[in-house]
Amino acid sequence: MFPANPHRLLAWLIAGTLIVGLPLVGTITDRLRTRMQRAEVAEALTGGDAALAPPIFRRYGCVGCHTVPGIPGADGKVGGALSGLREQVYIGGVLNNTPDNLVQWIVSPRRFSPKTAMPATGISEGEARHLAAYLYRD
């Protein structure tokens, strides 16, 4: 069934790996490219830098209340999960989901919903832009 020559067997294994593996590499590359494009769009829309967001999420305690994709330990259950935020219609159930509204909600949620459980954290508008860029990239 298999070639008797070990070099030939190795050649067959390499050929099989390439035939099966190359489409997978292409799929992974396409996903990374799409994710990078979404990150660029998110940063352009918000004026923030998504790469600066992880320590801000931790510094202001967001991770204690929210589950935030890609942030280790951000598995809070008090507030809503923040995955897929760019696809949601409303922010906090009260604001149309736009980049500016998201930034303003992060800075001052009680301005829009006085009974929200989300506290005023003292996050600056600049920091909120970084968080918004991060949240809109996924």
Protein backbone atom coordinates (compact mmCIF):
# COMPACT_ATOMS: atom_id res chain seq x y z
CA MET A 1 0.00 0.00 0.00
CA PHE A 2 2.75 2.49 0.95
CA PRO A 3 5.89 2.88 -1.14
CA ALA A 4 8.74 0.69 0.10
CA ASN A 5 11.24 3.54 -0.22
CA PRO A 6 11.15 5.74 2.93
CA HIS A 7 12.11 8.83 0.90
CA ARG A 8 9.16 8.26 -1.37
CA LEU A 9 6.89 7.85 1.64
CA LEU A 10 8.18 11.15 3.01
CA ALA A 11 7.53 12.82 -0.35
CA TRP A 12 3.96 11.48 -0.36
CA LEU A 13 3.39 12.73 3.20
CA ILE A 14 4.70 16.19 2.34
CA ALA A 15 2.59 16.34 -0.82
CA GLY A 16 -0.51 15.29 1.11
CA THR A 17 0.15 17.85 3.82
CA LEU A 18 0.52 20.60 1.24
CA ILE A 19 -2.65 19.59 -0.59
CA VAL A 20 -4.67 19.58 2.63
CA GLY A 21 -2.85 22.42 4.39
CA LEU A 22 -2.62 25.14 1.74
CA PRO A 23 -6.35 25.85 1.58
CA LEU A 24 -6.38 26.07 5.39
CA VAL A 25 -3.51 28.60 5.32
CA GLY A 26 -5.48 30.64 2.78
CA THR A 27 -8.56 30.60 5.01
CA ILE A 28 -6.56 31.70 8.05
CA THR A 29 -4.89 34.44 6.02
CA ASP A 30 -8.26 35.67 4.75
CA ARG A 31 -9.63 35.78 8.31
CA LEU A 32 -6.61 37.72 9.56
CA ARG A 33 -6.86 40.15 6.65
CA THR A 34 -10.58 40.69 7.31
CA ARG A 35 -9.94 41.20 11.03
CA MET A 36 -7.18 43.72 10.26
CA GLN A 37 -9.47 45.60 7.88
CA ARG A 38 -12.23 45.73 10.50
CA ALA A 39 -9.73 47.06 13.04
CA GLU A 40 -8.64 49.80 10.63
CA VAL A 41 -12.24 50.79 9.95
CA ALA A 42 -13.07 50.76 13.67
CA GLU A 43 -10.11 53.00 14.43
CA ALA A 44 -11.05 55.40 11.62
CA LEU A 45 -14.67 55.59 12.85
CA THR A 46 -13.81 56.13 16.50
CA GLY A 47 -10.52 58.01 16.38
CA GLY A 48 -9.14 55.49 18.85
CA ASP A 49 -6.36 52.91 18.88
CA ALA A 50 -7.65 49.42 19.71
CA ALA A 51 -4.17 48.30 20.79
CA LEU A 52 -4.32 50.72 23.73
CA ALA A 53 -7.63 49.38 25.03
CA PRO A 54 -6.72 46.24 27.06
CA PRO A 55 -5.01 48.05 29.95
CA ILE A 56 -7.79 50.67 29.98
CA PHE A 57 -10.41 47.93 30.35
CA ARG A 58 -8.47 46.65 33.37
CA ARG A 59 -7.61 50.05 34.90
CA TYR A 60 -11.24 51.18 35.09
CA GLY A 61 -12.67 47.84 36.21
CA CYS A 62 -14.66 47.13 33.03
CA VAL A 63 -13.49 43.52 33.20
CA GLY A 64 -15.18 43.03 36.56
CA CYS A 65 -18.64 43.62 35.08
CA HIS A 66 -18.32 42.77 31.39
CA THR A 67 -17.13 39.83 29.34
CA VAL A 68 -14.76 41.38 26.81
CA PRO A 69 -13.50 39.16 23.98
CA GLY A 70 -9.74 38.89 23.81
CA ILE A 71 -9.10 40.30 27.30
CA PRO A 72 -7.89 37.59 29.71
CA GLY A 73 -9.92 37.60 32.90
CA ALA A 74 -12.66 39.83 31.45
CA ASP A 75 -15.47 37.48 32.32
CA GLY A 76 -17.78 39.67 34.40
CA LYS A 77 -21.48 38.84 34.45
CA VAL A 78 -22.93 42.09 35.86
CA GLY A 79 -23.01 44.04 32.61
CA GLY A 80 -23.70 42.76 29.14
CA ALA A 81 -21.13 40.84 27.13
CA LEU A 82 -19.31 43.22 24.80
CA SER A 83 -18.81 40.83 21.89
CA GLY A 84 -20.39 41.67 18.55
CA LEU A 85 -21.10 45.23 19.65
CA ARG A 86 -20.72 46.64 16.14
CA GLU A 87 -23.69 44.54 15.05
CA GLN A 88 -26.05 45.65 17.82
CA VAL A 89 -28.72 48.28 17.17
CA TYR A 90 -28.62 49.94 20.58
CA ILE A 91 -26.06 50.77 23.23
CA GLY A 92 -27.25 50.16 26.76
CA GLY A 93 -30.72 49.61 25.37
CA VAL A 94 -31.25 53.35 24.89
CA LEU A 95 -28.85 54.87 22.35
CA ASN A 96 -28.52 54.25 18.64
CA ASN A 97 -25.29 52.38 18.06
CA THR A 98 -22.92 54.91 16.52
CA PRO A 99 -19.25 55.47 17.30
CA ASP A 100 -19.87 58.87 18.90
CA ASN A 101 -22.76 57.53 20.99
CA LEU A 102 -20.64 54.61 22.18
CA VAL A 103 -17.86 56.95 23.25
CA GLN A 104 -20.33 59.20 25.08
CA TRP A 105 -22.00 56.20 26.73
CA ILE A 106 -18.64 54.93 28.01
CA VAL A 107 -17.77 58.38 29.40
CA SER A 108 -21.14 59.18 30.96
CA PRO A 109 -23.71 56.36 30.84
CA ARG A 110 -26.07 57.92 33.38
CA ARG A 111 -26.50 60.97 31.18
CA PHE A 112 -28.44 58.70 28.82
CA SER A 113 -29.93 56.20 31.25
CA PRO A 114 -30.09 57.48 34.86
CA LYS A 115 -30.99 54.04 36.25
CA THR A 116 -28.24 52.11 34.49
CA ALA A 117 -26.03 49.95 36.68
CA MET A 118 -22.99 51.21 34.77
CA PRO A 119 -21.15 53.73 36.93
CA ALA A 120 -19.39 56.89 35.90
CA THR A 121 -15.82 55.62 35.93
CA GLY A 122 -13.88 58.75 35.12
CA ILE A 123 -12.80 57.44 31.74
CA SER A 124 -11.75 60.31 29.49
CA GLU A 125 -13.16 60.74 26.01
CA GLY A 126 -9.78 59.81 24.50
CA GLU A 127 -9.65 56.58 26.49
CA ALA A 128 -13.26 55.84 25.57
CA ARG A 129 -12.32 56.20 21.89
CA HIS A 130 -9.67 53.48 22.34
CA LEU A 131 -12.24 51.21 23.99
CA ALA A 132 -14.77 51.89 21.22
CA ALA A 133 -12.18 51.08 18.55
CA TYR A 134 -11.47 47.79 20.31
CA LEU A 135 -15.14 46.89 20.67
CA TYR A 136 -16.03 47.73 17.07
CA ARG A 137 -13.18 45.68 15.58
CA ASP A 138 -14.77 42.30 16.34
